[in-house]
């Protein structure tokens, strides 16, 4: 794992702390420097999905964002609060979708993308930490970020948004949906707040007592926006899978 030059920081340690997306607020990339966006090479500068930097050569996103796509059909935008300007756009050399991804029920909704060239870490480009695999994070306040629409079917902002969401148990989540939510998923919910279209693949993070953030979820699915709990890929279930895919010495930092 590379470190930020001139710093002891390795991951998950933003230069600005959040001040505290539907019901969310604008934020800056300095608060969430691991945030990235997937943008089409041909159709739009707005991201069709979010993603998270895990080291200088790899990012993670939702499998449903990239399943069946060619690596040369999109770029990864990093380093700017405003997705339409100031970002660095990096090509993708390979896409690995989880081998057990199911596009009907969105189980194992995770993919790893290898970048065509390495990232240079800075105050605005930094990896997120791996989560504690022994923690279910229920009851903790997580933060979701993205450039997704501000309401179901609504406009897509150019400025990065953040929203704080309590992590709820899978049984509570299942009660809201009236069907089982498997342990490979994690849910977060708060009245009037949620991720929405365009946020898929983006990060759900939780800080520790030192305000170092770990990636606990990848935005996956929900029914409506801010009407039912948001459902995320539970990253604790996939840390080993990610680490087995990436190059030696590039494992997710903790």
Protein backbone atom coordinates (compact mmCIF):
# COMPACT_ATOMS: atom_id res chain seq x y z
CA UNK A 1 0.00 0.00 0.00
CA UNK A 2 1.35 3.36 -0.98
CA UNK A 3 1.14 6.23 1.47
CA UNK A 4 0.59 9.92 0.97
CA UNK A 5 3.95 11.53 0.40
CA UNK A 6 5.14 13.40 3.45
CA UNK A 7 2.46 11.88 5.65
CA UNK A 8 1.93 8.84 7.84
CA UNK A 9 -1.63 8.52 6.53
CA UNK A 10 -2.38 5.36 4.60
CA UNK A 11 -6.16 5.26 4.18
CA UNK A 12 -9.47 6.61 5.34
CA UNK A 13 -8.05 9.78 6.91
CA UNK A 14 -9.48 12.90 5.23
CA UNK A 15 -7.84 16.30 5.53
CA UNK A 16 -11.23 17.84 6.37
CA UNK A 17 -13.73 16.25 8.74
CA UNK A 18 -17.38 16.14 7.63
CA UNK A 19 -19.53 18.91 9.10
CA UNK A 20 -22.35 17.17 10.10
CA UNK A 21 -28.45 11.62 -1.97
CA UNK A 22 -31.79 12.36 -0.78
CA UNK A 23 -32.08 14.51 2.28
CA UNK A 24 -28.32 15.03 2.15
CA UNK A 25 -26.07 18.03 1.84
CA UNK A 26 -23.25 19.13 -0.42
CA UNK A 27 -19.75 18.20 0.68
CA UNK A 28 -16.18 18.34 -0.62
CA UNK A 29 -13.84 15.71 -1.98
CA UNK A 30 -11.36 16.55 0.81
CA UNK A 31 -13.85 15.04 3.25
CA UNK A 32 -14.24 11.84 1.19
CA UNK A 33 -11.10 11.58 -0.98
CA UNK A 34 -11.72 7.88 -1.74
CA UNK A 35 -14.90 8.77 -3.64
CA UNK A 36 -14.76 8.24 -7.39
CA UNK A 37 -17.26 8.15 -10.22
CA UNK A 38 -17.69 5.99 -13.32
CA UNK A 39 -18.31 8.14 -16.39
CA UNK A 40 -19.10 7.10 -19.94
CA UNK A 41 -16.51 7.95 -22.56
CA UNK A 42 -19.21 8.92 -25.04
CA UNK A 43 -22.55 9.94 -23.52
CA UNK A 44 -22.18 12.16 -20.44
CA UNK A 45 -19.81 13.73 -17.94
CA UNK A 46 -22.21 12.81 -15.14
CA UNK A 47 -21.31 9.53 -13.44
CA UNK A 48 -23.61 6.58 -14.00
CA UNK A 49 -22.27 4.98 -10.81
CA UNK A 50 -20.01 5.72 -7.88
CA UNK A 51 -16.93 3.83 -6.73
CA UNK A 52 -14.29 3.78 -3.98
CA UNK A 53 -10.50 3.90 -4.19
CA UNK A 54 -8.90 0.98 -2.32
CA UNK A 55 -5.30 1.54 -3.45
CA UNK A 56 -3.42 3.32 -6.22
CA UNK A 57 -4.30 0.73 -8.89
CA UNK A 58 -7.73 -0.62 -7.92
CA UNK A 59 -11.22 0.59 -7.14
CA UNK A 60 -14.38 -1.22 -6.04
CA UNK A 61 -17.93 -0.65 -7.23
CA UNK A 62 -21.21 -2.54 -7.57
CA UNK A 63 -21.23 -5.44 -10.01
CA UNK A 64 -24.51 -4.25 -11.53
CA UNK A 65 -22.76 -1.04 -12.62
CA UNK A 66 -20.21 -2.79 -14.83
CA UNK A 67 -21.46 -6.32 -15.53
CA UNK A 68 -21.20 -6.93 -19.26
CA UNK A 69 -19.32 -3.69 -19.89
CA UNK A 70 -16.04 -3.28 -21.74
CA UNK A 71 -13.20 -1.66 -19.75
CA UNK A 72 -12.66 0.89 -22.52
CA UNK A 73 -16.28 2.12 -22.44
CA UNK A 74 -15.87 4.36 -19.38
CA UNK A 75 -13.37 6.21 -17.21
CA UNK A 76 -12.90 6.68 -13.48
CA UNK A 77 -13.15 10.29 -12.27
CA UNK A 78 -11.22 11.19 -9.11
CA UNK A 79 -10.03 14.21 -7.19
CA UNK A 80 -12.79 16.83 -7.45
CA UNK A 81 -15.98 17.80 -5.62
CA UNK A 82 -17.51 18.89 -8.94
CA UNK A 83 -17.78 15.88 -11.23
CA UNK A 84 -18.02 18.12 -14.31
CA UNK A 85 -14.72 19.93 -13.79
CA UNK A 86 -11.39 19.44 -12.09
CA UNK A 87 -11.45 15.66 -11.96
CA UNK A 88 -8.66 13.44 -13.20
CA UNK A 89 -10.05 10.73 -15.47
CA UNK A 90 -8.31 7.39 -15.57
CA UNK A 91 -8.91 4.52 -17.96
CA UNK A 92 -9.75 1.00 -16.84
CA UNK A 93 -7.64 -1.99 -17.87
CA UNK A 94 -9.74 -4.82 -16.42
CA UNK A 95 -13.06 -5.54 -14.72
CA UNK A 96 -13.60 -8.46 -12.34
CA UNK A 97 -17.22 -9.06 -11.34
CA UNK A 98 -17.75 -11.41 -8.40
CA UNK A 99 -18.07 -14.93 -9.75
CA UNK A 100 -21.30 -15.51 -7.79
CA UNK A 101 -22.96 -12.21 -8.66
CA UNK A 102 -26.68 -12.69 -9.29
CA UNK A 103 -28.29 -9.95 -11.35
CA UNK A 104 -31.79 -10.99 -10.28
CA UNK A 105 -31.43 -10.68 -6.50
CA UNK A 106 -28.18 -8.62 -6.48
CA UNK A 107 -26.33 -11.00 -4.18
CA UNK A 108 -22.55 -10.56 -4.33
CA UNK A 109 -23.01 -7.16 -5.98
CA UNK A 110 -19.34 -6.19 -6.06
CA UNK A 111 -16.68 -5.71 -8.72
CA UNK A 112 -13.00 -4.74 -8.72
CA UNK A 113 -11.63 -2.51 -11.47
CA UNK A 114 -7.93 -2.26 -12.27
CA UNK A 115 -6.89 1.20 -13.44
CA UNK A 116 -4.87 1.70 -16.60
CA UNK A 117 -2.41 3.93 -14.74
CA UNK A 118 -1.65 4.39 -11.03
CA UNK A 119 -3.21 7.14 -8.97
CA UNK A 120 -1.10 9.78 -7.27
CA UNK A 121 -2.34 10.19 -3.71
CA UNK A 122 -3.03 13.66 -2.36
CA UNK A 123 -5.47 15.47 -0.08
CA UNK A 124 -8.19 14.82 -2.68
CA UNK A 125 -7.23 11.31 -3.81
CA UNK A 126 -6.79 8.70 -1.08
CA UNK A 127 -7.85 5.10 -0.44
CA UNK A 128 -10.52 4.12 2.06
CA UNK A 129 -9.72 1.57 4.77
CA UNK A 130 -10.99 -2.00 4.93
CA UNK A 131 -13.66 -2.61 7.59
CA UNK A 132 -13.27 -4.64 10.77
CA UNK A 133 -14.60 -7.99 9.59
CA UNK A 134 -15.82 -8.89 13.10
CA UNK A 135 -18.15 -5.86 13.30
CA UNK A 136 -21.72 -5.79 11.96
CA UNK A 137 -21.88 -1.98 12.50
CA UNK A 138 -25.53 -2.13 13.61
CA UNK A 139 -26.45 1.06 15.45
CA UNK A 140 -23.49 3.01 14.12
CA UNK A 141 -23.94 6.11 11.97
CA UNK A 142 -22.65 5.58 8.45
CA UNK A 143 -22.23 8.14 5.68
CA UNK A 144 -23.16 7.56 2.05
CA UNK A 145 -21.78 9.84 -0.65
CA UNK A 146 -22.37 10.28 -4.35
CA UNK A 147 -23.49 12.33 -7.30
CA UNK A 148 -26.83 10.54 -7.61
CA UNK A 149 -30.22 12.18 -8.08
CA UNK A 150 -31.68 14.23 -5.23
CA UNK A 151 -35.10 12.55 -5.62
CA UNK A 152 -36.43 9.50 -7.41
CA UNK A 153 -36.33 10.41 -11.09
CA UNK A 154 -34.95 13.85 -10.25
CA UNK A 155 -31.96 15.85 -11.37
CA UNK A 156 -28.39 14.70 -10.88
CA UNK A 157 -26.17 17.24 -9.07
CA UNK A 158 -22.65 18.00 -10.21
CA UNK A 159 -21.48 18.59 -6.62
CA UNK A 160 -20.77 15.62 -4.33
CA UNK A 161 -23.50 14.95 -1.76
CA UNK A 162 -23.34 13.28 1.66
CA UNK A 163 -26.01 11.80 3.91
CA UNK A 164 -25.74 10.25 7.37
CA UNK A 165 -27.66 7.00 7.84
CA UNK A 166 -27.91 4.69 10.88
CA UNK A 167 -27.00 1.08 10.13
CA UNK A 168 -29.93 -1.20 10.96
CA UNK A 169 -30.09 -4.95 11.52
CA UNK A 170 -30.88 -7.26 8.64
CA UNK A 171 -33.99 -8.46 10.49
CA UNK A 172 -35.28 -4.88 10.75
CA UNK A 173 -34.48 -4.38 7.08
CA UNK A 174 -36.28 -7.61 6.17
CA UNK A 175 -39.36 -6.44 8.06
CA UNK A 176 -39.48 -3.31 5.91
CA UNK A 177 -39.25 -5.33 2.68
CA UNK A 178 -41.20 -8.43 3.77
CA UNK A 179 -38.49 -10.77 2.51
CA UNK A 180 -35.15 -12.05 3.75
CA UNK A 181 -32.08 -9.84 3.53
CA UNK A 182 -28.99 -12.12 3.43
CA UNK A 183 -25.88 -11.42 5.45
CA UNK A 184 -23.93 -10.46 2.32
CA UNK A 185 -25.98 -7.25 2.43
CA UNK A 186 -26.09 -4.43 4.99
CA UNK A 187 -28.91 -1.90 5.42
CA UNK A 188 -29.04 1.73 6.47
CA UNK A 189 -32.09 3.90 6.91
CA UNK A 190 -33.28 7.26 8.21
CA UNK A 191 -36.55 9.08 7.55
CA UNK A 192 -36.39 11.11 4.35
CA UNK A 193 -32.76 10.25 3.65
CA UNK A 194 -31.29 7.72 1.23
CA UNK A 195 -29.06 7.05 -1.72
CA UNK A 196 -30.79 7.24 -5.11
CA UNK A 197 -30.28 6.72 -8.86
CA UNK A 198 -26.65 7.30 -9.83
CA UNK A 199 -25.32 6.58 -6.34
CA UNK A 200 -24.99 2.83 -7.03
CA UNK A 201 -21.49 1.48 -6.50
CA UNK A 202 -20.54 4.33 -4.19
CA UNK A 203 -19.26 4.11 -0.62
CA UNK A 204 -21.02 3.69 2.70
CA UNK A 205 -18.38 4.50 5.32
CA UNK A 206 -18.11 4.49 9.11
CA UNK A 207 -15.48 6.41 11.12
CA UNK A 208 -13.64 5.01 14.11
CA UNK A 209 -12.83 6.99 17.25
CA UNK A 210 -9.89 8.61 15.44
CA UNK A 211 -12.12 9.72 12.53
CA UNK A 212 -10.50 7.20 10.18
CA UNK A 213 -13.08 5.86 7.76
CA UNK A 214 -13.62 2.28 6.64
CA UNK A 215 -15.75 1.03 3.77
CA UNK A 216 -18.64 -0.98 5.23
CA UNK A 217 -20.99 -0.94 2.25
CA UNK A 218 -21.29 -0.47 -1.51
CA UNK A 219 -24.55 1.13 -2.63
CA UNK A 220 -26.56 -1.65 -4.24
CA UNK A 221 -30.35 -1.36 -4.31
CA UNK A 222 -33.59 -0.17 -2.74
CA UNK A 223 -37.25 0.24 -3.60
CA UNK A 224 -37.86 3.91 -4.21
CA UNK A 225 -35.63 6.59 -2.70
CA UNK A 226 -35.99 7.46 1.00
CA UNK A 227 -39.09 5.26 1.31
CA UNK A 228 -37.47 1.97 2.36
CA UNK A 229 -34.03 1.15 3.80
CA UNK A 230 -31.11 1.40 1.43
CA UNK A 231 -29.40 -1.93 0.84
CA UNK A 232 -25.64 -2.15 0.37
CA UNK A 233 -23.13 -4.90 -0.35
CA UNK A 234 -21.60 -5.82 3.03
CA UNK A 235 -17.89 -5.28 2.45
CA UNK A 236 -16.79 -7.31 5.49
CA UNK A 237 -17.87 -10.39 3.51
CA UNK A 238 -15.55 -9.54 0.60
CA UNK A 239 -12.28 -8.19 2.02
CA UNK A 240 -10.50 -11.49 1.37
CA UNK A 241 -12.01 -11.70 -2.11
CA UNK A 242 -10.73 -8.22 -2.99
CA UNK A 243 -7.30 -8.88 -1.52
CA UNK A 244 -6.95 -12.12 -3.49
CA UNK A 245 -7.64 -10.25 -6.73
CA UNK A 246 -5.30 -7.28 -6.43
CA UNK A 247 -1.57 -7.27 -7.05
CA UNK A 248 0.85 -8.30 -4.32
CA UNK A 249 1.37 -5.45 -1.88
CA UNK A 250 -1.88 -3.75 -2.96
CA UNK A 251 -4.25 -5.26 -0.40
CA UNK A 252 -6.86 -3.08 1.31
CA UNK A 253 -5.31 -1.25 4.25
CA UNK A 254 -6.78 -1.42 7.74
